[in-house]
Amino acid sequence: MKIVDTLQLLTIILLLAILMALGQALLRLIRGSSQQLWTMLAWRVGLSITLFILLVMAKTQGWI
């Protein structure tokens, strides 16, 4: 498996994890659980930052 294939797979997994965290935060908002809402939003932000750093690193290394 080439590095580009691995990067594409990792990007898709991170995007799905971001969407799942956003969906869970929406459920927490509907149910009124504010502490869990903030936890899920913090996870989403962390995953988004991780994906951004991964893509910037891949661009500087010439992988994309």
C-alpha atoms as a PDB file:
ATOM      1  CA  MET A   1       0.000   0.000   0.000  1.00  0.00           C
ATOM      2  CA  LYS A   2       1.465   3.301  -1.080  1.00  0.00           C
ATOM      3  CA  ILE A   3       1.663   6.327   1.205  1.00  0.00           C
ATOM      4  CA  VAL A   4      -0.969   8.152  -0.871  1.00  0.00           C
ATOM      5  CA  ASP A   5      -3.455   5.303  -0.413  1.00  0.00           C
ATOM      6  CA  THR A   6      -2.776   5.275   3.310  1.00  0.00           C
ATOM      7  CA  LEU A   7      -3.212   9.044   3.476  1.00  0.00           C
ATOM      8  CA  GLN A   8      -6.525   8.842   1.603  1.00  0.00           C
ATOM      9  CA  LEU A   9      -7.789   6.124   3.941  1.00  0.00           C
ATOM     10  CA  LEU A  10      -6.707   8.072   7.022  1.00  0.00           C
ATOM     11  CA  THR A  11      -8.359  11.238   5.681  1.00  0.00           C
ATOM     12  CA  ILE A  12     -11.647   9.422   5.090  1.00  0.00           C
ATOM     13  CA  ILE A  13     -11.540   7.854   8.566  1.00  0.00           C
ATOM     14  CA  LEU A  14     -10.868  11.230  10.189  1.00  0.00           C
ATOM     15  CA  LEU A  15     -13.667  12.899   8.218  1.00  0.00           C
ATOM     16  CA  LEU A  16     -16.100  10.175   9.291  1.00  0.00           C
ATOM     17  CA  ALA A  17     -14.977  10.530  12.914  1.00  0.00           C
ATOM     18  CA  ILE A  18     -15.513  14.308  12.698  1.00  0.00           C
ATOM     19  CA  LEU A  19     -19.026  13.795  11.331  1.00  0.00           C
ATOM     20  CA  MET A  20     -19.808  11.235  14.039  1.00  0.00           C
ATOM     21  CA  ALA A  21     -18.636  13.601  16.774  1.00  0.00           C
ATOM     22  CA  LEU A  22     -20.733  16.388  15.261  1.00  0.00           C
ATOM     23  CA  GLY A  23     -23.784  14.113  15.107  1.00  0.00           C
ATOM     24  CA  GLN A  24     -23.319  13.031  18.724  1.00  0.00           C
ATOM     25  CA  ALA A  25     -22.996  16.669  19.762  1.00  0.00           C
ATOM     26  CA  LEU A  26     -26.293  17.386  17.999  1.00  0.00           C
ATOM     27  CA  LEU A  27     -27.951  14.567  19.934  1.00  0.00           C
ATOM     28  CA  ARG A  28     -26.553  15.941  23.186  1.00  0.00           C
ATOM     29  CA  LEU A  29     -27.905  19.380  22.253  1.00  0.00           C
ATOM     30  CA  ILE A  30     -31.374  17.966  21.620  1.00  0.00           C
ATOM     31  CA  ARG A  31     -31.336  15.999  24.879  1.00  0.00           C
ATOM     32  CA  GLY A  32     -30.034  18.958  26.883  1.00  0.00           C
ATOM     33  CA  SER A  33     -26.828  17.383  28.183  1.00  0.00           C
ATOM     34  CA  SER A  34     -24.486  20.360  28.077  1.00  0.00           C
ATOM     35  CA  GLN A  35     -21.355  18.771  29.594  1.00  0.00           C
ATOM     36  CA  GLN A  36     -21.370  15.920  27.077  1.00  0.00           C
ATOM     37  CA  LEU A  37     -22.142  18.426  24.321  1.00  0.00           C
ATOM     38  CA  TRP A  38     -18.956  20.371  25.073  1.00  0.00           C
ATOM     39  CA  THR A  39     -16.973  17.141  25.258  1.00  0.00           C
ATOM     40  CA  MET A  40     -18.147  16.023  21.815  1.00  0.00           C
ATOM     41  CA  LEU A  41     -17.503  19.464  20.319  1.00  0.00           C
ATOM     42  CA  ALA A  42     -14.000  19.432  21.806  1.00  0.00           C
ATOM     43  CA  TRP A  43     -13.407  16.032  20.182  1.00  0.00           C
ATOM     44  CA  ARG A  44     -14.575  17.424  16.845  1.00  0.00           C
ATOM     45  CA  VAL A  45     -12.246  20.394  17.086  1.00  0.00           C
ATOM     46  CA  GLY A  46      -9.332  18.146  18.029  1.00  0.00           C
ATOM     47  CA  LEU A  47      -9.999  15.795  15.123  1.00  0.00           C
ATOM     48  CA  SER A  48     -10.322  18.732  12.710  1.00  0.00           C
ATOM     49  CA  ILE A  49      -7.004  20.189  13.853  1.00  0.00           C
ATOM     50  CA  THR A  50      -5.377  16.765  13.508  1.00  0.00           C
ATOM     51  CA  LEU A  51      -6.703  16.406   9.958  1.00  0.00           C
ATOM     52  CA  PHE A  52      -5.503  19.914   9.054  1.00  0.00           C
ATOM     53  CA  ILE A  53      -1.995  19.222  10.403  1.00  0.00           C
ATOM     54  CA  LEU A  54      -1.897  15.883   8.577  1.00  0.00           C
ATOM     55  CA  LEU A  55      -2.853  17.509   5.270  1.00  0.00           C
ATOM     56  CA  VAL A  56      -0.340  20.352   5.696  1.00  0.00           C
ATOM     57  CA  MET A  57       2.385  17.835   6.550  1.00  0.00           C
ATOM     58  CA  ALA A  58       1.466  15.706   3.513  1.00  0.00           C
ATOM     59  CA  LYS A  59       1.619  18.778   1.264  1.00  0.00           C
ATOM     60  CA  THR A  60       5.051  19.847   2.560  1.00  0.00           C
ATOM     61  CA  GLN A  61       6.377  16.304   2.105  1.00  0.00           C
ATOM     62  CA  GLY A  62       5.110  16.233  -1.480  1.00  0.00           C
ATOM     63  CA  TRP A  63       2.692  13.336  -0.892  1.00  0.00           C
ATOM     64  CA  ILE A  64      -0.239  15.279  -2.339  1.00  0.00           C
END
